[in-house]
Protein backbone atom coordinates (compact mmCIF):
# COMPACT_ATOMS: atom_id res chain seq x y z
CA MET A 1 11.77 -5.38 -16.16
CA PRO A 2 10.47 -2.20 -14.71
CA ARG A 3 9.61 -2.25 -11.03
CA PHE A 4 6.84 -0.91 -10.11
CA LEU A 5 5.62 1.00 -6.05
CA THR A 6 1.98 0.07 -5.08
CA LEU A 7 1.18 2.74 -2.46
CA ILE A 8 -2.43 1.08 -0.68
CA ARG A 9 -4.42 4.35 0.55
CA ILE A 10 -7.02 4.13 3.15
CA ASP A 11 -8.97 6.54 5.28
CA GLU A 12 -7.40 5.46 8.86
CA GLN A 13 -10.69 7.34 10.59
CA ASN A 14 -13.56 5.36 8.83
CA ALA A 15 -11.30 1.87 8.76
CA PRO A 16 -13.38 -1.21 9.34
CA THR A 17 -12.41 -2.04 13.06
CA GLU A 18 -13.57 -5.61 12.84
CA ASP A 19 -11.17 -8.61 12.64
CA PRO A 20 -12.15 -9.65 8.43
CA GLY A 21 -11.51 -13.56 9.33
CA PRO A 22 -9.42 -16.52 8.61
CA GLU A 23 -10.88 -16.68 5.14
CA PHE A 24 -9.54 -13.27 4.37
CA GLU A 25 -6.17 -14.51 6.11
CA LYS A 26 -5.94 -17.40 3.68
CA ARG A 27 -6.86 -15.43 0.47
CA MET A 28 -4.22 -12.99 0.88
CA ALA A 29 -1.10 -15.71 1.95
CA ALA A 30 -2.29 -17.60 -1.01
CA LEU A 31 -2.19 -14.15 -3.31
CA LEU A 32 1.20 -13.32 -1.66
CA GLU A 33 2.60 -17.37 -2.45
CA GLU A 34 1.02 -16.63 -6.05
CA ILE A 35 3.05 -13.65 -6.45
CA THR A 36 6.85 -14.42 -4.93
CA ARG A 37 6.72 -17.63 -6.87
CA ALA A 38 5.88 -16.44 -10.04
CA GLY A 39 9.00 -13.92 -9.54
CA VAL A 40 7.09 -10.83 -9.28
CA MET A 41 7.36 -9.68 -4.99
CA LEU A 42 10.33 -7.73 -4.31
CA ASP A 43 8.92 -6.52 -0.70
CA THR A 44 5.59 -5.88 0.91
CA ALA A 45 4.26 -4.68 4.26
CA GLY A 46 1.68 -2.70 6.23
CA LEU A 47 2.16 0.49 7.96
CA THR A 48 1.94 2.02 11.30
CA PRO A 49 -1.05 4.37 11.94
CA ALA A 50 -0.42 7.90 10.45
CA SER A 51 -0.43 9.31 14.71
CA GLU A 52 2.56 7.33 15.33
CA ALA A 53 4.09 9.22 11.93
CA THR A 54 6.49 12.18 11.68
CA ARG A 55 6.88 14.66 8.55
CA ALA A 56 9.90 16.26 7.96
CA THR A 57 9.47 19.32 5.96
CA TRP A 58 11.93 21.00 4.04
CA SER A 59 11.46 25.10 3.47
CA ASP A 60 13.35 28.18 3.31
CA GLY A 61 16.09 26.37 3.85
CA LYS A 62 15.19 24.08 6.69
CA VAL A 63 13.76 21.45 8.24
CA SER A 64 10.96 21.02 10.21
CA TYR A 65 9.09 17.88 12.07
CA THR A 66 5.36 17.61 12.31
CA ASP A 67 4.28 14.59 13.82
CA GLY A 68 0.70 12.55 13.35
CA PRO A 69 -1.73 12.60 13.43
CA PHE A 70 -2.30 14.89 10.18
CA ALA A 71 -5.91 16.94 10.43
CA GLU A 72 -5.39 17.80 6.36
CA ALA A 73 -4.94 13.93 5.57
CA LYS A 74 -8.39 12.50 4.18
CA GLU A 75 -6.25 8.89 2.62
CA VAL A 76 -2.92 7.99 4.30
CA VAL A 77 -0.54 5.22 3.05
CA GLY A 78 -1.41 1.74 5.21
CA GLY A 79 0.89 -0.44 3.42
CA TYR A 80 2.77 -0.54 -0.03
CA SER A 81 4.59 -3.81 -2.27
CA LEU A 82 7.68 -3.23 -4.49
CA ILE A 83 6.93 -5.60 -7.53
CA GLN A 84 8.83 -5.89 -10.67
CA ALA A 85 6.39 -6.55 -13.94
CA LYS A 86 6.78 -7.01 -17.36
CA ASP A 87 4.67 -3.71 -17.68
CA LYS A 88 1.75 -1.33 -16.35
CA ALA A 89 -0.87 -3.53 -17.06
CA GLU A 90 0.80 -6.59 -15.35
CA ALA A 91 1.45 -4.11 -12.39
CA LEU A 92 -2.06 -3.07 -12.40
CA GLU A 93 -3.49 -6.53 -12.60
CA TRP A 94 -1.75 -7.76 -9.39
CA ALA A 95 -3.12 -4.74 -7.25
CA ARG A 96 -6.49 -4.97 -8.54
CA ARG A 97 -6.31 -8.96 -6.84
CA PHE A 98 -4.77 -7.49 -3.98
CA LEU A 99 -7.35 -5.31 -3.74
CA GLN A 100 -10.65 -7.73 -4.75
CA ILE A 101 -9.22 -10.39 -1.82
CA HIS A 102 -10.61 -7.57 0.79
CA PRO A 103 -13.84 -7.41 2.04
CA ALA A 104 -16.62 -5.81 -0.16
CA HIS A 105 -17.51 -2.71 2.44
CA TRP A 106 -13.80 -2.02 3.02
CA ASN A 107 -12.50 0.70 0.74
CA LEU A 108 -9.11 0.68 -0.50
CA THR A 109 -7.25 2.66 -3.06
CA ALA A 110 -4.23 1.27 -4.85
CA GLU A 111 -1.74 3.86 -6.60
CA VAL A 112 0.48 1.82 -8.68
CA ARG A 113 3.51 3.46 -9.80
CA GLU A 114 6.36 2.73 -12.02
CA ILE A 115 9.87 3.32 -10.55
CA ALA A 116 11.83 5.75 -12.42
CA GLU A 117 15.36 4.05 -13.60
CA ASN A 118 17.90 6.34 -14.67
């Protein structure tokens, strides 16, 4: 069965600062429990802010490092999930359900990519 990586992209500079509340947490916990019971979820987590990140770049035969925040980055990866789904349509359905749990005024993007199996 194919595996899919979902990258949750957020605009950290315009992210909501208010707590989404206990109802959000209940909905998220229920979805995560459902996807885990279905045998789909392999791993998931949120990430620390881009201001705490470091980029390693390979160029001209050398590695250089740049500490965040990254001025040119409008959206950053704020979290991820690794799932095993029967096809891309199923992976997209789980991504849709994840996005719809969030408050309507939040702006998130879920990029779903199949993992290339060699």
